Amino acid sequence: MRTASILLTLLFPLTIHAQEAPTTREMNLITWQEFAEWVPERIETVLLPVGTLEPHGVIPNGADNLAPEAMARALAARLDALIAPTLNYGVTGSMRAFPGAFQITADAYRPFVADILAGLSENGFKNVIILNGHGGPQTAILREVADAASGRHRIRTLVINWWSLASDDTFAVFGENGGHAGNNETAYVQAIVPEHIHPERYDPNMATAYPANNAWAAVPFPSSIGLYEASQGYPTFDPEQARTYFDRVNTRVATLIEEVIRKWDLAGLYRD
């Protein structure tokens, strides 16, 4: 791919030195000619949003996709990155019985993600940042596949589970812990698509605290809102909190990515 980019540079006069940024950050929208002008000579980083479809209280079933996708769009320019198409289907787990949920088996998901990472490498990206919006077994699979891809393709991979990374921001904004479709996730998605948030459908009985110390296990999980701690994390639907939380989370994620890339570069890792 690098050879092809050099050949295109010789055949077609480029104007990228007069441009500060590509016309779009999204791989879905960029042309192949412009892609070749920017990757890998000027852009080495790609953001890959991944999620799934599953119930989320009274916010969209696709919250796990909407959050990392919006995050990528908010951060791409700051990180000088392109955005890969969102992987919308994932390993849903114990909530797959709810209407509208969608389950990909781990055996199917693992090689599919591996091929996506291989393709991003073949296209010249050096830093592959996976913005994960979904928990459960999917988190372990993504780490496993990213680790293998890094060694196999000599790329630098970073998997971010944003809700865990932003735990301090959840406490700072709400004064308590969060949850699946709780105050934190509801707020982040509310900042993206406020017209698709439905507090009129909300009932606190829709929430159940996750069992401490593996005390019990129920499949399907009995509620579409899962609280990290009992009596904490209920959605607030406050627009001001939503915007504040959205901005804080994005800053937290961007800062981590910048720090990791800076240290990769400082150590000279996989620079050949």
Protein backbone atom coordinates (compact mmCIF):
# COMPACT_ATOMS: atom_id res chain seq x y z
CA MET A 1 0.00 0.00 0.00
CA ARG A 2 2.86 2.38 0.74
CA THR A 3 4.32 1.62 -2.74
CA ALA A 4 0.95 2.37 -4.31
CA SER A 5 0.78 5.71 -2.48
CA ILE A 6 4.25 6.67 -3.73
CA LEU A 7 3.29 5.75 -7.30
CA LEU A 8 0.12 7.85 -7.11
CA THR A 9 2.19 10.75 -5.83
CA LEU A 10 4.47 10.52 -8.88
CA LEU A 11 1.59 10.20 -11.35
CA PHE A 12 -0.71 12.87 -9.98
CA PRO A 13 0.43 16.28 -8.67
CA LEU A 14 -0.76 16.62 -5.08
CA THR A 15 -1.98 19.74 -3.38
CA ILE A 16 -2.09 18.51 0.18
CA HIS A 17 0.66 20.85 1.29
CA ALA A 18 -1.73 23.72 0.59
CA GLN A 19 -4.47 22.04 2.65
CA GLU A 20 -4.62 21.97 6.42
CA ALA A 21 -7.00 19.01 6.52
CA PRO A 22 -8.76 16.55 4.22
CA THR A 23 -12.21 17.50 2.93
CA THR A 24 -13.73 14.86 5.22
CA ARG A 25 -12.53 12.79 8.16
CA GLU A 26 -14.85 9.87 7.34
CA MET A 27 -13.62 6.92 5.32
CA ASN A 28 -17.20 6.41 4.13
CA LEU A 29 -17.12 9.79 2.38
CA ILE A 30 -13.54 10.29 1.23
CA THR A 31 -12.50 9.43 -2.35
CA TRP A 32 -9.71 6.97 -3.02
CA GLN A 33 -7.60 9.71 -4.60
CA GLU A 34 -7.80 11.97 -1.57
CA PHE A 35 -7.24 9.02 0.76
CA ALA A 36 -3.97 8.28 -1.05
CA GLU A 37 -2.91 11.91 -0.67
CA TRP A 38 -3.26 11.80 3.10
CA VAL A 39 -2.62 8.24 4.28
CA PRO A 40 0.00 7.38 5.45
CA GLU A 41 2.15 10.39 4.57
CA ARG A 42 0.14 12.89 6.58
CA ILE A 43 -2.37 10.86 8.59
CA GLU A 44 -1.34 7.76 10.56
CA THR A 45 -4.28 7.42 12.96
CA VAL A 46 -7.70 5.89 12.45
CA LEU A 47 -10.61 5.80 14.89
CA LEU A 48 -12.79 2.68 14.74
CA PRO A 49 -16.12 2.98 16.61
CA VAL A 50 -17.64 -0.35 17.66
CA GLY A 51 -20.83 -1.19 19.53
CA THR A 52 -23.96 -3.31 19.25
CA LEU A 53 -27.77 -3.12 19.33
CA GLU A 54 -29.36 -3.78 22.71
CA PRO A 55 -31.90 -2.20 25.11
CA HIS A 56 -30.92 1.01 26.89
CA GLY A 57 -33.80 2.06 29.10
CA VAL A 58 -35.57 4.90 27.28
CA ILE A 59 -32.75 5.89 24.94
CA PRO A 60 -31.96 4.33 21.53
CA ASN A 61 -31.13 0.65 21.18
CA GLY A 62 -28.09 1.81 19.22
CA ALA A 63 -26.63 3.87 22.08
CA ASP A 64 -23.50 1.71 22.05
CA ASN A 65 -22.98 2.70 18.42
CA LEU A 66 -24.07 6.33 18.64
CA ALA A 67 -21.71 7.18 21.51
CA PRO A 68 -18.38 6.05 20.01
CA GLU A 69 -19.40 7.31 16.57
CA ALA A 70 -20.13 10.80 17.92
CA MET A 71 -16.94 10.63 19.97
CA ALA A 72 -14.91 9.88 16.86
CA ARG A 73 -16.45 12.78 14.97
CA ALA A 74 -15.82 15.14 17.86
CA LEU A 75 -12.15 14.11 18.21
CA ALA A 76 -10.95 13.33 14.68
CA ALA A 77 -9.69 16.81 13.83
CA ARG A 78 -7.94 17.25 17.18
CA LEU A 79 -6.21 13.87 16.75
CA ASP A 80 -5.60 14.36 13.02
CA ALA A 81 -7.33 11.05 12.38
CA LEU A 82 -9.71 9.48 9.92
CA ILE A 83 -12.85 7.66 11.06
CA ALA A 84 -13.54 4.10 9.94
CA PRO A 85 -17.18 3.04 9.45
CA THR A 86 -18.84 2.03 12.70
CA LEU A 87 -19.11 -1.68 13.48
CA ASN A 88 -22.75 -1.65 14.58
CA TYR A 89 -23.26 -5.31 15.49
CA GLY A 90 -21.56 -6.94 18.45
CA VAL A 91 -21.62 -9.61 21.15
CA THR A 92 -24.74 -8.52 22.97
CA GLY A 93 -24.89 -11.10 25.76
CA SER A 94 -27.49 -11.23 28.52
CA MET A 95 -29.77 -8.54 27.04
CA ARG A 96 -30.19 -10.15 23.64
CA ALA A 97 -33.77 -11.27 24.44
CA PHE A 98 -35.11 -7.70 24.49
CA PRO A 99 -36.93 -6.43 21.38
CA GLY A 100 -34.57 -4.91 18.82
CA ALA A 101 -31.40 -6.46 20.26
CA PHE A 102 -28.95 -8.12 17.89
CA GLN A 103 -26.40 -10.78 18.74
CA ILE A 104 -23.22 -11.74 16.87
CA THR A 105 -21.53 -14.86 18.23
CA ALA A 106 -18.02 -14.49 19.58
CA ASP A 107 -16.82 -17.05 17.04
CA ALA A 108 -18.09 -14.87 14.19
CA TYR A 109 -17.14 -11.53 15.73
CA ARG A 110 -13.51 -12.32 16.52
CA PRO A 111 -12.27 -13.05 12.96
CA PHE A 112 -14.39 -10.25 11.51
CA VAL A 113 -12.76 -7.65 13.74
CA ALA A 114 -9.36 -9.20 13.01
CA ASP A 115 -9.94 -8.73 9.27
CA ILE A 116 -10.99 -5.12 9.80
CA LEU A 117 -7.79 -4.38 11.70
CA ALA A 118 -5.77 -6.13 8.99
CA GLY A 119 -7.47 -3.98 6.37
CA LEU A 120 -6.74 -0.77 8.25
CA SER A 121 -3.10 -1.80 8.47
CA GLU A 122 -2.95 -2.64 4.75
CA ASN A 123 -4.31 0.82 3.99
CA GLY A 124 -1.37 2.41 5.76
CA PHE A 125 -2.63 3.33 9.22
CA LYS A 126 -0.09 3.00 12.01
CA ASN A 127 -2.27 3.91 15.01
CA VAL A 128 -5.58 2.04 15.26
CA ILE A 129 -7.78 3.38 18.05
CA ILE A 130 -10.83 1.27 18.87
CA LEU A 131 -13.57 3.32 20.54
CA ASN A 132 -15.74 0.68 22.15
CA GLY A 133 -19.28 1.47 23.25
CA HIS A 134 -20.31 -1.97 24.53
CA GLY A 135 -19.27 -3.98 27.57
CA GLY A 136 -19.54 -7.63 28.53
CA PRO A 137 -17.50 -10.27 26.69
CA GLN A 138 -16.96 -7.93 23.76
CA THR A 139 -14.36 -5.96 25.72
CA ALA A 140 -12.15 -9.03 26.19
CA ILE A 141 -12.52 -10.05 22.56
CA LEU A 142 -11.48 -6.61 21.31
CA ARG A 143 -8.40 -6.58 23.53
CA GLU A 144 -7.42 -10.07 22.40
CA VAL A 145 -7.86 -9.31 18.70
CA ALA A 146 -6.13 -5.92 18.93
CA ASP A 147 -3.18 -7.46 20.76
CA ALA A 148 -2.77 -10.13 18.08
CA ALA A 149 -3.15 -7.59 15.26
CA SER A 150 -0.46 -5.35 16.73
CA GLY A 151 2.14 -8.11 16.64
CA ARG A 152 1.03 -9.57 13.32
CA HIS A 153 0.80 -6.29 11.38
CA ARG A 154 3.22 -4.12 13.36
CA ILE A 155 0.56 -1.55 14.14
CA ARG A 156 -0.09 0.27 17.39
CA THR A 157 -3.50 -0.49 18.84
CA LEU A 158 -5.46 1.09 21.67
CA VAL A 159 -8.85 -0.18 22.88
CA ILE A 160 -10.88 2.31 24.92
CA ASN A 161 -13.99 1.43 26.92
CA TRP A 162 -15.11 5.02 27.32
CA TRP A 163 -17.56 4.57 30.23
CA SER A 164 -14.84 3.02 32.38
CA LEU A 165 -12.24 5.59 31.39
CA ALA A 166 -14.68 8.38 32.26
CA SER A 167 -15.64 7.05 35.68
CA ASP A 168 -14.17 10.09 37.45
CA ASP A 169 -16.20 12.35 35.17
CA THR A 170 -19.38 10.47 36.05
CA PHE A 171 -18.79 11.12 39.75
CA ALA A 172 -17.82 14.75 39.05
CA VAL A 173 -20.97 15.53 37.06
CA PHE A 174 -23.56 13.37 38.86
CA GLY A 175 -22.04 12.92 42.31
CA GLU A 176 -22.45 9.14 42.13
CA ASN A 177 -21.70 6.07 40.06
CA GLY A 178 -23.38 5.32 36.73
CA GLY A 179 -24.65 2.30 34.88
CA HIS A 180 -25.68 0.72 31.62
CA ALA A 181 -28.24 3.22 30.30
CA GLY A 182 -27.79 5.02 33.62
CA ASN A 183 -27.11 8.69 34.30
CA ASN A 184 -23.77 8.63 32.45
CA GLU A 185 -24.67 6.79 29.24
CA THR A 186 -28.08 8.43 29.02
CA ALA A 187 -26.48 11.87 29.34
CA TYR A 188 -23.84 11.21 26.69
CA VAL A 189 -26.42 9.98 24.19
CA GLN A 190 -28.84 12.78 25.13
CA ALA A 191 -26.17 15.27 24.07
CA ILE A 192 -26.04 13.58 20.65
CA VAL A 193 -29.70 12.85 19.81
CA PRO A 194 -31.92 14.64 22.35
CA GLU A 195 -34.96 14.08 20.14
CA HIS A 196 -34.65 10.31 20.63
CA ILE A 197 -34.58 10.37 24.44
CA HIS A 198 -37.96 9.45 25.99
CA PRO A 199 -38.21 10.33 29.68
CA GLU A 200 -41.99 9.98 29.41
CA ARG A 201 -41.42 6.22 29.09
CA TYR A 202 -39.11 6.04 32.09
CA ASP A 203 -39.89 4.23 35.33
CA PRO A 204 -37.25 3.67 38.06
CA ASN A 205 -38.41 0.05 38.22
CA MET A 206 -36.77 -0.41 34.82
CA ALA A 207 -33.40 -0.44 36.63
CA THR A 208 -31.64 -3.26 38.49
CA ALA A 209 -28.28 -3.11 40.23
CA TYR A 210 -25.71 -5.56 38.92
CA PRO A 211 -24.98 -8.32 41.48
CA ALA A 212 -21.98 -7.72 43.71
CA ASN A 213 -19.37 -10.47 44.02
CA ASN A 214 -21.18 -12.64 41.45
CA ALA A 215 -23.95 -13.26 43.98
CA TRP A 216 -26.46 -14.16 41.27
CA ALA A 217 -26.86 -14.37 37.50
CA ALA A 218 -30.02 -14.02 35.46
CA VAL A 219 -30.36 -14.51 31.71
CA PRO A 220 -31.97 -12.50 30.27
CA PHE A 221 -30.91 -9.71 32.61
CA PRO A 222 -34.22 -8.53 34.13
CA SER A 223 -33.86 -4.83 33.34
CA SER A 224 -32.77 -2.64 30.44
CA ILE A 225 -30.97 -0.31 32.89
CA GLY A 226 -28.15 -1.85 34.89
CA LEU A 227 -26.78 0.11 37.84
CA TYR A 228 -23.13 -0.27 38.83
CA GLU A 229 -24.08 0.28 42.47
CA ALA A 230 -27.42 -0.12 44.22
CA SER A 231 -29.45 3.10 44.47
CA GLN A 232 -26.99 4.99 42.25
CA GLY A 233 -26.93 5.86 38.58
CA TYR A 234 -30.58 6.49 37.73
CA PRO A 235 -30.96 8.70 34.62
CA THR A 236 -31.45 12.41 35.25
CA PHE A 237 -32.38 13.62 31.71
CA ASP A 238 -30.84 17.01 32.52
CA PRO A 239 -29.72 18.79 29.29
CA GLU A 240 -27.02 20.82 31.03
CA GLN A 241 -25.53 17.74 32.68
CA ALA A 242 -25.68 15.97 29.33
CA ARG A 243 -23.65 18.63 27.54
CA THR A 244 -21.15 18.94 30.39
CA TYR A 245 -20.67 15.19 30.57
CA PHE A 246 -20.32 14.87 26.77
CA ASP A 247 -17.56 17.48 26.71
CA ARG A 248 -15.72 16.05 29.71
CA VAL A 249 -15.76 12.51 28.34
CA ASN A 250 -14.47 13.63 24.95
CA THR A 251 -11.65 15.57 26.57
CA ARG A 252 -10.75 12.57 28.72
CA VAL A 253 -10.64 10.22 25.73
CA ALA A 254 -8.68 12.63 23.51
CA THR A 255 -6.10 13.26 26.22
CA LEU A 256 -5.48 9.54 26.67
CA ILE A 257 -5.09 8.94 22.93
CA GLU A 258 -2.68 11.86 22.57
CA GLU A 259 -0.59 10.66 25.50
CA VAL A 260 -0.37 7.08 24.26
CA ILE A 261 0.58 8.12 20.71
CA ARG A 262 3.17 10.56 22.05
CA LYS A 263 4.78 7.81 24.12
CA TRP A 264 4.65 5.33 21.24
CA ASP A 265 6.51 7.90 19.14
CA LEU A 266 8.96 8.70 21.93
CA ALA A 267 9.88 5.03 22.18
CA GLY A 268 10.07 4.67 18.39
CA LEU A 269 7.74 1.67 18.41
CA TYR A 270 6.79 0.15 15.04
CA ARG A 271 8.08 3.15 13.13
CA ASP A 272 9.58 1.11 10.27
